[in-house]
C-alpha atoms as a PDB file:
ATOM      1  CA  MET A   1     -24.088  20.383  75.626  1.00  0.00           C
ATOM      2  CA  VAL A   2     -25.338  23.092  73.531  1.00  0.00           C
ATOM      3  CA  MET A   3     -27.730  23.283  70.501  1.00  0.00           C
ATOM      4  CA  ALA A   4     -26.552  25.414  67.732  1.00  0.00           C
ATOM      5  CA  SER A   5     -29.047  27.302  65.659  1.00  0.00           C
ATOM      6  CA  ASP A   6     -28.716  24.410  62.958  1.00  0.00           C
ATOM      7  CA  ASN A   7     -29.800  21.922  65.549  1.00  0.00           C
ATOM      8  CA  THR A   8     -26.367  20.357  65.603  1.00  0.00           C
ATOM      9  CA  VAL A   9     -24.921  19.551  69.088  1.00  0.00           C
ATOM     10  CA  ILE A  10     -21.677  21.702  70.115  1.00  0.00           C
ATOM     11  CA  THR A  11     -19.755  19.913  72.801  1.00  0.00           C
ATOM     12  CA  ASP A  12     -16.641  22.121  73.068  1.00  0.00           C
ATOM     13  CA  LEU A  13     -17.936  25.599  73.527  1.00  0.00           C
ATOM     14  CA  PRO A  14     -14.742  27.348  74.092  1.00  0.00           C
ATOM     15  CA  SER A  15     -13.307  26.423  70.252  1.00  0.00           C
ATOM     16  CA  VAL A  16     -16.716  27.324  68.897  1.00  0.00           C
ATOM     17  CA  ILE A  17     -16.314  30.662  70.379  1.00  0.00           C
ATOM     18  CA  THR A  18     -13.040  31.516  69.255  1.00  0.00           C
ATOM     19  CA  ASN A  19     -13.580  30.188  65.800  1.00  0.00           C
ATOM     20  CA  GLN A  20     -16.890  31.900  65.096  1.00  0.00           C
ATOM     21  CA  LYS A  21     -16.618  35.376  63.346  1.00  0.00           C
ATOM     22  CA  GLY A  22     -16.082  37.550  65.963  1.00  0.00           C
ATOM     23  CA  GLY A  23     -14.267  35.104  68.355  1.00  0.00           C
ATOM     24  CA  GLN A  24     -11.134  36.679  68.489  1.00  0.00           C
ATOM     25  CA  LYS A  25     -12.847  39.787  69.344  1.00  0.00           C
ATOM     26  CA  VAL A  26     -13.995  38.137  72.636  1.00  0.00           C
ATOM     27  CA  LYS A  27     -10.649  36.852  73.496  1.00  0.00           C
ATOM     28  CA  SER A  28      -9.229  40.306  72.773  1.00  0.00           C
ATOM     29  CA  MET A  29     -11.847  42.161  74.978  1.00  0.00           C
ATOM     30  CA  PHE A  30     -11.348  39.556  77.779  1.00  0.00           C
ATOM     31  CA  GLY A  31      -7.240  40.112  77.755  1.00  0.00           C
ATOM     32  CA  LEU A  32      -8.046  44.051  77.648  1.00  0.00           C
ATOM     33  CA  ILE A  33     -10.473  43.880  80.439  1.00  0.00           C
ATOM     34  CA  VAL A  34      -7.793  41.786  82.565  1.00  0.00           C
ATOM     35  CA  CYS A  35      -5.125  44.312  81.521  1.00  0.00           C
ATOM     36  CA  ILE A  36      -7.272  47.158  82.670  1.00  0.00           C
ATOM     37  CA  GLY A  37      -7.873  45.617  85.911  1.00  0.00           C
ATOM     38  CA  ILE A  38      -4.362  44.714  86.820  1.00  0.00           C
ATOM     39  CA  LEU A  39      -3.317  48.295  85.900  1.00  0.00           C
ATOM     40  CA  SER A  40      -6.179  49.842  88.044  1.00  0.00           C
ATOM     41  CA  ILE A  41      -4.585  47.570  90.943  1.00  0.00           C
ATOM     42  CA  LEU A  42      -0.993  48.681  90.444  1.00  0.00           C
ATOM     43  CA  PHE A  43      -1.802  52.539  89.789  1.00  0.00           C
ATOM     44  CA  SER A  44      -4.246  52.248  93.199  1.00  0.00           C
ATOM     45  CA  LEU A  45      -1.257  50.934  94.941  1.00  0.00           C
ATOM     46  CA  VAL A  46       1.334  53.471  93.794  1.00  0.00           C
ATOM     47  CA  TRP A  47      -1.190  56.293  94.327  1.00  0.00           C
ATOM     48  CA  VAL A  48      -2.185  55.310  97.978  1.00  0.00           C
ATOM     49  CA  ASN A  49       1.884  54.961  98.501  1.00  0.00           C
ATOM     50  CA  ASN A  50       2.425  58.335  97.673  1.00  0.00           C
ATOM     51  CA  LEU A  51      -0.149  59.980 100.117  1.00  0.00           C
ATOM     52  CA  PRO A  52       1.403  62.448 102.512  1.00  0.00           C
ATOM     53  CA  ALA A  53       1.538  60.554 105.811  1.00  0.00           C
ATOM     54  CA  GLN A  54      -0.847  62.050 108.729  1.00  0.00           C
ATOM     55  CA  GLU A  55       0.728  63.147 111.826  1.00  0.00           C
ATOM     56  CA  LYS A  56      -0.610  63.167 114.961  1.00  0.00           C
ATOM     57  CA  VAL A  57       0.229  66.409 116.734  1.00  0.00           C
ATOM     58  CA  ILE A  58      -0.248  68.592 119.909  1.00  0.00           C
ATOM     59  CA  ILE A  59      -0.251  72.346 118.827  1.00  0.00           C
ATOM     60  CA  GLN A  60      -0.841  75.040 121.240  1.00  0.00           C
ATOM     61  CA  GLY A  61      -1.326  78.188 119.388  1.00  0.00           C
ATOM     62  CA  THR A  62      -3.758  81.233 118.776  1.00  0.00           C
ATOM     63  CA  VAL A  63      -7.493  80.783 117.094  1.00  0.00           C
ATOM     64  CA  TYR A  64      -7.946  83.333 114.488  1.00  0.00           C
ATOM     65  CA  ALA A  65     -11.205  83.634 112.319  1.00  0.00           C
ATOM     66  CA  LEU A  66     -10.764  83.017 108.632  1.00  0.00           C
ATOM     67  CA  ASP A  67     -14.242  82.871 107.366  1.00  0.00           C
ATOM     68  CA  TRP A  68     -17.511  84.772 108.318  1.00  0.00           C
ATOM     69  CA  ASP A  69     -21.159  84.449 107.192  1.00  0.00           C
ATOM     70  CA  ASP A  70     -23.229  87.297 106.116  1.00  0.00           C
ATOM     71  CA  GLU A  71     -24.426  87.921 109.692  1.00  0.00           C
ATOM     72  CA  GLY A  72     -20.897  88.142 110.975  1.00  0.00           C
ATOM     73  CA  ASN A  73     -20.787  84.589 112.393  1.00  0.00           C
ATOM     74  CA  VAL A  74     -17.541  82.822 112.223  1.00  0.00           C
ATOM     75  CA  MET A  75     -17.544  80.005 109.877  1.00  0.00           C
ATOM     76  CA  ALA A  76     -13.646  78.581 109.598  1.00  0.00           C
ATOM     77  CA  VAL A  77     -10.705  79.159 111.895  1.00  0.00           C
ATOM     78  CA  VAL A  78      -7.218  78.594 111.787  1.00  0.00           C
ATOM     79  CA  ILE A  79      -4.691  77.961 114.618  1.00  0.00           C
ATOM     80  CA  VAL A  80      -1.258  79.594 114.552  1.00  0.00           C
ATOM     81  CA  ALA A  81       1.430  77.721 116.241  1.00  0.00           C
ATOM     82  CA  ASP A  82       5.341  78.312 115.709  1.00  0.00           C
ATOM     83  CA  GLY A  83       4.456  81.107 112.712  1.00  0.00           C
ATOM     84  CA  VAL A  84       2.541  78.264 111.075  1.00  0.00           C
ATOM     85  CA  GLU A  85      -1.013  78.281 110.129  1.00  0.00           C
ATOM     86  CA  TYR A  86      -3.372  75.023 110.641  1.00  0.00           C
ATOM     87  CA  ALA A  87      -6.670  75.385 108.887  1.00  0.00           C
ATOM     88  CA  VAL A  88      -9.137  73.800 111.302  1.00  0.00           C
ATOM     89  CA  SER A  89     -11.233  71.170 109.654  1.00  0.00           C
ATOM     90  CA  GLY A  90     -15.141  71.254 110.520  1.00  0.00           C
ATOM     91  CA  SER A  91     -14.957  67.491 111.485  1.00  0.00           C
ATOM     92  CA  GLY A  92     -14.303  66.170 115.119  1.00  0.00           C
ATOM     93  CA  LYS A  93     -14.269  68.953 117.547  1.00  0.00           C
ATOM     94  CA  GLY A  94     -13.099  71.675 115.043  1.00  0.00           C
ATOM     95  CA  ARG A  95     -16.724  73.207 115.183  1.00  0.00           C
ATOM     96  CA  GLU A  96     -16.264  73.936 118.778  1.00  0.00           C
ATOM     97  CA  LEU A  97     -13.177  76.081 118.027  1.00  0.00           C
ATOM     98  CA  LEU A  98     -15.681  78.696 116.221  1.00  0.00           C
ATOM     99  CA  ALA A  99     -16.361  80.184 119.379  1.00  0.00           C
ATOM    100  CA  LEU A 100     -12.724  80.748 120.397  1.00  0.00           C
ATOM    101  CA  GLU A 101     -11.645  83.048 118.208  1.00  0.00           C
ATOM    102  CA  GLY A 102      -8.766  84.985 119.725  1.00  0.00           C
ATOM    103  CA  LYS A 103      -8.223  82.240 122.647  1.00  0.00           C
ATOM    104  CA  THR A 104      -4.829  80.130 122.892  1.00  0.00           C
ATOM    105  CA  ILE A 105      -5.511  76.828 122.962  1.00  0.00           C
ATOM    106  CA  LYS A 106      -3.682  73.207 122.988  1.00  0.00           C
ATOM    107  CA  ALA A 107      -5.163  71.061 120.674  1.00  0.00           C
ATOM    108  CA  THR A 108      -4.296  67.498 119.527  1.00  0.00           C
ATOM    109  CA  GLY A 109      -5.278  66.070 116.313  1.00  0.00           C
ATOM    110  CA  MET A 110      -4.291  64.628 112.966  1.00  0.00           C
ATOM    111  CA  VAL A 111      -2.569  66.988 110.338  1.00  0.00           C
ATOM    112  CA  ASP A 112      -2.783  66.834 106.776  1.00  0.00           C
ATOM    113  CA  VAL A 113      -0.714  68.558 104.400  1.00  0.00           C
ATOM    114  CA  ASN A 114      -1.784  69.179 100.740  1.00  0.00           C
ATOM    115  CA  GLU A 115       0.421  69.527  97.623  1.00  0.00           C
ATOM    116  CA  GLU A 116       0.867  73.573  98.565  1.00  0.00           C
ATOM    117  CA  GLY A 117       2.069  72.520 101.886  1.00  0.00           C
ATOM    118  CA  GLU A 118      -0.838  73.846 103.623  1.00  0.00           C
ATOM    119  CA  LYS A 119      -1.772  72.136 107.007  1.00  0.00           C
ATOM    120  CA  THR A 120      -5.244  71.066 108.000  1.00  0.00           C
ATOM    121  CA  ILE A 121      -5.877  69.671 111.389  1.00  0.00           C
ATOM    122  CA  THR A 122      -8.598  67.652 112.351  1.00  0.00           C
ATOM    123  CA  VAL A 123      -9.359  68.125 116.165  1.00  0.00           C
ATOM    124  CA  THR A 124      -9.681  65.307 118.356  1.00  0.00           C
ATOM    125  CA  SER A 125      -9.505  67.204 121.642  1.00  0.00           C
ATOM    126  CA  TYR A 126      -8.183  70.850 122.988  1.00  0.00           C
ATOM    127  CA  GLU A 127      -8.338  72.808 126.080  1.00  0.00           C
ATOM    128  CA  VAL A 128      -8.080  76.433 126.316  1.00  0.00           C
ATOM    129  CA  SER A 129      -4.724  77.584 127.931  1.00  0.00           C
ATOM    130  CA  GLU A 130      -4.229  80.037 130.674  1.00  0.00           C
ATOM    131  CA  VAL A 131      -1.490  81.386 128.417  1.00  0.00           C
ATOM    132  CA  GLU A 132      -2.062  84.898 126.950  1.00  0.00           C
ATOM    133  CA  SER A 133      -2.533  84.783 123.031  1.00  0.00           C
ATOM    134  CA  GLY A 134       0.578  84.352 120.886  1.00  0.00           C
ATOM    135  CA  VAL A 135       2.767  83.487 124.044  1.00  0.00           C
ATOM    136  CA  GLU A 136       4.388  79.696 124.132  1.00  0.00           C
ATOM    137  CA  GLU A 137       3.263  78.574 121.011  1.00  0.00           C
ATOM    138  CA  GLU A 138       4.391  75.187 120.119  1.00  0.00           C
ATOM    139  CA  THR A 139       4.086  72.396 117.895  1.00  0.00           C
ATOM    140  CA  ILE A 140       4.644  68.572 119.352  1.00  0.00           C
ATOM    141  CA  ILE A 141       4.693  65.767 116.816  1.00  0.00           C
ATOM    142  CA  ILE A 142       3.579  62.804 118.446  1.00  0.00           C
ATOM    143  CA  GLU A 143       3.789  60.029 115.891  1.00  0.00           C
ATOM    144  CA  GLU A 144       3.154  59.589 112.105  1.00  0.00           C
ATOM    145  CA  GLU A 145       0.828  57.171 110.897  1.00  0.00           C
END
């Protein structure tokens, strides 16, 4: 039970809201909010399904410096395996590879491919190979996630 401004008792609040001036606006706004919510959920489901799958890989290749700071310190590296460049993410074990320029390594990690087809690996583990740089480079796909 609700009291109106003229001291009358209102027992059916929903009908008063829809019958008051602007009451249709309330219904319309509610409908619009529900539609926007449903569209947002559908959009996010479609967008998530269109993300490229990550691949867990083992690559054996050579580490090359890609960027340096003003003092000449390596700031970014790539691993070249099978003629393909994999930018190394700074997360995971990637920062450790900055000190391995010119070395051949076997790295395990997750690979993302951007819209331009460029590959980035987040290295989870690696070992320095006994193989000479540029020899026996290979990529092995373990699984897709």
